[in-house]
Amino acid sequence: MKSPLTAVAVALLMLGATSAANAKGCIKGAVVGGVAGHYAGHHGVLGAAAGCLYGRHHAKEQQEQRERQQQSQVNGQGKL
């Protein structure tokens, strides 16, 4: 079971090194998902893949929220 998890971890690290903007949140999500999947029926690889997708989605939402807040501050709408 360690070999597939190691392979996934190495692949995710390589993905993160090549396109950091697109992989933001993927590595953290993959680690958490892999551990959760392992303990939930030895499905670590499946959990890592799902965790990566969720981590990217969550990071994208946070980035969009930061951009909206910055835009509202620039327009003066964020001040009372």
N, C-alpha and C. Protein backbone atom coordinates (compact mmCIF):
# COMPACT_ATOMS: atom_id res chain seq x y z
N MET A 1 0.82 -1.19 0.00
CA MET A 1 0.00 0.00 0.00
C MET A 1 0.87 1.25 0.00
N LYS A 2 2.07 1.17 0.50
CA LYS A 2 2.93 2.35 0.56
C LYS A 2 3.41 2.77 -0.82
N SER A 3 3.59 1.81 -1.72
CA SER A 3 4.08 2.15 -3.06
C SER A 3 3.11 3.04 -3.83
N PRO A 4 1.81 2.72 -3.87
CA PRO A 4 0.88 3.62 -4.58
C PRO A 4 0.81 5.00 -3.94
N LEU A 5 0.82 5.06 -2.63
CA LEU A 5 0.77 6.36 -1.97
C LEU A 5 2.04 7.17 -2.25
N THR A 6 3.17 6.50 -2.27
CA THR A 6 4.42 7.18 -2.59
C THR A 6 4.39 7.68 -4.03
N ALA A 7 3.89 6.87 -4.93
CA ALA A 7 3.81 7.27 -6.34
C ALA A 7 2.90 8.47 -6.51
N VAL A 8 1.78 8.48 -5.82
CA VAL A 8 0.85 9.61 -5.89
C VAL A 8 1.51 10.86 -5.31
N ALA A 9 2.18 10.70 -4.19
CA ALA A 9 2.84 11.85 -3.57
C ALA A 9 3.91 12.44 -4.48
N VAL A 10 4.70 11.59 -5.11
CA VAL A 10 5.74 12.07 -6.02
C VAL A 10 5.11 12.76 -7.23
N ALA A 11 4.06 12.18 -7.77
CA ALA A 11 3.39 12.78 -8.93
C ALA A 11 2.80 14.14 -8.57
N LEU A 12 2.22 14.24 -7.40
CA LEU A 12 1.64 15.52 -6.97
C LEU A 12 2.72 16.57 -6.73
N LEU A 13 3.84 16.15 -6.18
CA LEU A 13 4.93 17.10 -6.00
C LEU A 13 5.47 17.60 -7.33
N MET A 14 5.56 16.70 -8.30
CA MET A 14 6.01 17.12 -9.62
C MET A 14 5.00 18.05 -10.26
N LEU A 15 3.73 17.77 -10.09
CA LEU A 15 2.68 18.63 -10.62
C LEU A 15 2.74 19.99 -9.98
N GLY A 16 2.96 20.02 -8.67
CA GLY A 16 3.06 21.28 -7.95
C GLY A 16 4.28 22.09 -8.36
N ALA A 17 5.34 21.43 -8.73
CA ALA A 17 6.55 22.14 -9.14
C ALA A 17 6.40 22.73 -10.53
N THR A 18 5.64 22.07 -11.39
CA THR A 18 5.52 22.55 -12.77
C THR A 18 4.47 23.63 -12.93
N SER A 19 3.37 23.52 -12.24
CA SER A 19 2.30 24.52 -12.37
C SER A 19 1.74 24.82 -10.98
N ALA A 20 2.45 25.64 -10.26
CA ALA A 20 2.08 25.93 -8.88
C ALA A 20 0.73 26.62 -8.80
N ALA A 21 0.40 27.46 -9.76
CA ALA A 21 -0.86 28.18 -9.71
C ALA A 21 -2.05 27.23 -9.84
N ASN A 22 -1.94 26.22 -10.68
CA ASN A 22 -3.04 25.30 -10.89
C ASN A 22 -3.13 24.23 -9.80
N ALA A 23 -2.04 23.95 -9.12
CA ALA A 23 -2.02 22.88 -8.15
C ALA A 23 -2.16 23.38 -6.71
N LYS A 24 -2.46 24.66 -6.55
CA LYS A 24 -2.56 25.21 -5.21
C LYS A 24 -3.69 24.50 -4.45
N GLY A 25 -3.37 23.96 -3.32
CA GLY A 25 -4.34 23.24 -2.51
C GLY A 25 -4.39 21.76 -2.79
N CYS A 26 -3.82 21.33 -3.90
CA CYS A 26 -3.90 19.93 -4.30
C CYS A 26 -3.09 19.04 -3.37
N ILE A 27 -1.88 19.45 -3.05
CA ILE A 27 -1.01 18.59 -2.26
C ILE A 27 -1.56 18.40 -0.86
N LYS A 28 -1.98 19.50 -0.23
CA LYS A 28 -2.54 19.40 1.11
C LYS A 28 -3.81 18.54 1.10
N GLY A 29 -4.68 18.76 0.13
CA GLY A 29 -5.90 17.97 0.02
C GLY A 29 -5.62 16.50 -0.24
N ALA A 30 -4.59 16.23 -1.06
CA ALA A 30 -4.25 14.85 -1.37
C ALA A 30 -3.72 14.12 -0.14
N VAL A 31 -2.93 14.81 0.65
CA VAL A 31 -2.40 14.17 1.87
C VAL A 31 -3.55 13.85 2.83
N VAL A 32 -4.40 14.82 3.06
CA VAL A 32 -5.54 14.60 3.99
C VAL A 32 -6.47 13.53 3.43
N GLY A 33 -6.79 13.61 2.15
CA GLY A 33 -7.68 12.63 1.53
C GLY A 33 -7.08 11.24 1.50
N GLY A 34 -5.77 11.16 1.27
CA GLY A 34 -5.11 9.86 1.25
C GLY A 34 -5.13 9.18 2.61
N VAL A 35 -4.89 9.96 3.65
CA VAL A 35 -4.94 9.39 5.00
C VAL A 35 -6.36 8.97 5.34
N ALA A 36 -7.33 9.84 5.04
CA ALA A 36 -8.73 9.50 5.33
C ALA A 36 -9.17 8.28 4.53
N GLY A 37 -8.80 8.21 3.26
CA GLY A 37 -9.16 7.06 2.45
C GLY A 37 -8.51 5.78 2.92
N HIS A 38 -7.29 5.89 3.40
CA HIS A 38 -6.60 4.70 3.92
C HIS A 38 -7.33 4.13 5.12
N TYR A 39 -7.74 5.00 6.02
CA TYR A 39 -8.43 4.51 7.22
C TYR A 39 -9.88 4.14 6.95
N ALA A 40 -10.43 4.59 5.86
CA ALA A 40 -11.81 4.27 5.52
C ALA A 40 -11.87 3.15 4.49
N GLY A 41 -11.14 2.11 4.70
CA GLY A 41 -11.24 0.94 3.85
C GLY A 41 -10.09 0.75 2.88
N HIS A 42 -8.92 1.26 3.21
CA HIS A 42 -7.72 1.07 2.40
C HIS A 42 -7.90 1.60 0.97
N HIS A 43 -8.48 2.78 0.86
CA HIS A 43 -8.65 3.44 -0.43
C HIS A 43 -7.86 4.75 -0.45
N GLY A 44 -6.59 4.65 -0.13
CA GLY A 44 -5.74 5.84 -0.01
C GLY A 44 -5.57 6.59 -1.31
N VAL A 45 -5.40 5.87 -2.42
CA VAL A 45 -5.19 6.53 -3.71
C VAL A 45 -6.45 7.26 -4.13
N LEU A 46 -7.59 6.62 -3.97
CA LEU A 46 -8.86 7.25 -4.31
C LEU A 46 -9.10 8.48 -3.43
N GLY A 47 -8.79 8.35 -2.16
CA GLY A 47 -8.92 9.48 -1.24
C GLY A 47 -7.99 10.61 -1.59
N ALA A 48 -6.78 10.28 -2.02
CA ALA A 48 -5.82 11.31 -2.41
C ALA A 48 -6.30 12.05 -3.65
N ALA A 49 -6.84 11.34 -4.60
CA ALA A 49 -7.35 11.98 -5.82
C ALA A 49 -8.52 12.90 -5.49
N ALA A 50 -9.45 12.42 -4.68
CA ALA A 50 -10.59 13.24 -4.30
C ALA A 50 -10.15 14.44 -3.46
N GLY A 51 -9.20 14.23 -2.58
CA GLY A 51 -8.68 15.32 -1.76
C GLY A 51 -7.99 16.39 -2.59
N CYS A 52 -7.29 15.96 -3.62
CA CYS A 52 -6.63 16.90 -4.53
C CYS A 52 -7.66 17.76 -5.24
N LEU A 53 -8.70 17.14 -5.76
CA LEU A 53 -9.75 17.89 -6.45
C LEU A 53 -10.43 18.88 -5.51
N TYR A 54 -10.75 18.43 -4.31
CA TYR A 54 -11.40 19.32 -3.35
C TYR A 54 -10.46 20.45 -2.93
N GLY A 55 -9.19 20.15 -2.72
CA GLY A 55 -8.23 21.17 -2.32
C GLY A 55 -8.07 22.25 -3.38
N ARG A 56 -8.02 21.85 -4.64
CA ARG A 56 -7.94 22.83 -5.74
C ARG A 56 -9.19 23.69 -5.79
N HIS A 57 -10.35 23.05 -5.62
CA HIS A 57 -11.62 23.79 -5.65
C HIS A 57 -11.67 24.81 -4.52
N HIS A 58 -11.28 24.38 -3.33
CA HIS A 58 -11.31 25.26 -2.16
C HIS A 58 -10.32 26.42 -2.32
N ALA A 59 -9.13 26.15 -2.84
CA ALA A 59 -8.14 27.20 -3.05
C ALA A 59 -8.62 28.21 -4.10
N LYS A 60 -9.30 27.72 -5.12
CA LYS A 60 -9.82 28.62 -6.15
C LYS A 60 -10.90 29.53 -5.58
N GLU A 61 -11.79 28.98 -4.74
CA GLU A 61 -12.82 29.80 -4.10
C GLU A 61 -12.20 30.87 -3.21
N GLN A 62 -11.18 30.51 -2.44
CA GLN A 62 -10.52 31.47 -1.57
C GLN A 62 -9.85 32.57 -2.38
N GLN A 63 -9.22 32.22 -3.49
CA GLN A 63 -8.57 33.22 -4.34
C GLN A 63 -9.61 34.18 -4.92
N GLU A 64 -10.73 33.67 -5.37
CA GLU A 64 -11.78 34.53 -5.92
C GLU A 64 -12.33 35.47 -4.85
N GLN A 65 -12.48 34.96 -3.63
CA GLN A 65 -12.97 35.80 -2.54
C GLN A 65 -11.97 36.91 -2.23
N ARG A 66 -10.67 36.60 -2.20
CA ARG A 66 -9.66 37.63 -1.98
C ARG A 66 -9.70 38.69 -3.07
N GLU A 67 -9.86 38.26 -4.31
CA GLU A 67 -9.93 39.21 -5.43
C GLU A 67 -11.15 40.12 -5.30
N ARG A 68 -12.30 39.55 -4.89
CA ARG A 68 -13.50 40.38 -4.71
C ARG A 68 -13.30 41.40 -3.60
N GLN A 69 -12.66 40.99 -2.50
CA GLN A 69 -12.41 41.91 -1.41
C GLN A 69 -11.46 43.02 -1.83
N GLN A 70 -10.43 42.69 -2.58
CA GLN A 70 -9.49 43.71 -3.05
C GLN A 70 -10.19 44.67 -4.01
N GLN A 71 -11.04 44.14 -4.87
CA GLN A 71 -11.75 44.98 -5.82
C GLN A 71 -12.70 45.93 -5.10
N SER A 72 -13.38 45.45 -4.06
CA SER A 72 -14.30 46.32 -3.33
C SER A 72 -13.54 47.39 -2.56
N GLN A 73 -12.34 47.09 -2.10
CA GLN A 73 -11.54 48.11 -1.41
C GLN A 73 -11.04 49.15 -2.38
N VAL A 74 -10.71 48.75 -3.59
CA VAL A 74 -10.23 49.68 -4.60
C VAL A 74 -11.37 50.63 -5.00
N ASN A 75 -12.57 50.11 -5.08
CA ASN A 75 -13.72 50.92 -5.47
C ASN A 75 -14.25 51.74 -4.32
N GLY A 76 -13.75 51.52 -3.11
CA GLY A 76 -14.21 52.27 -1.94
C GLY A 76 -15.49 51.73 -1.35
N GLN A 77 -15.95 50.58 -1.78
CA GLN A 77 -17.19 50.01 -1.29
C GLN A 77 -16.99 49.25 0.02
N GLY A 78 -15.76 48.95 0.36
CA GLY A 78 -15.47 48.18 1.56
C GLY A 78 -15.36 49.03 2.81
N LYS A 79 -15.51 50.34 2.67
CA LYS A 79 -15.37 51.25 3.80
C LYS A 79 -16.72 51.78 4.25
N LEU A 80 -16.85 52.01 5.53
CA LEU A 80 -18.09 52.58 6.06
C LEU A 80 -18.03 54.08 6.12
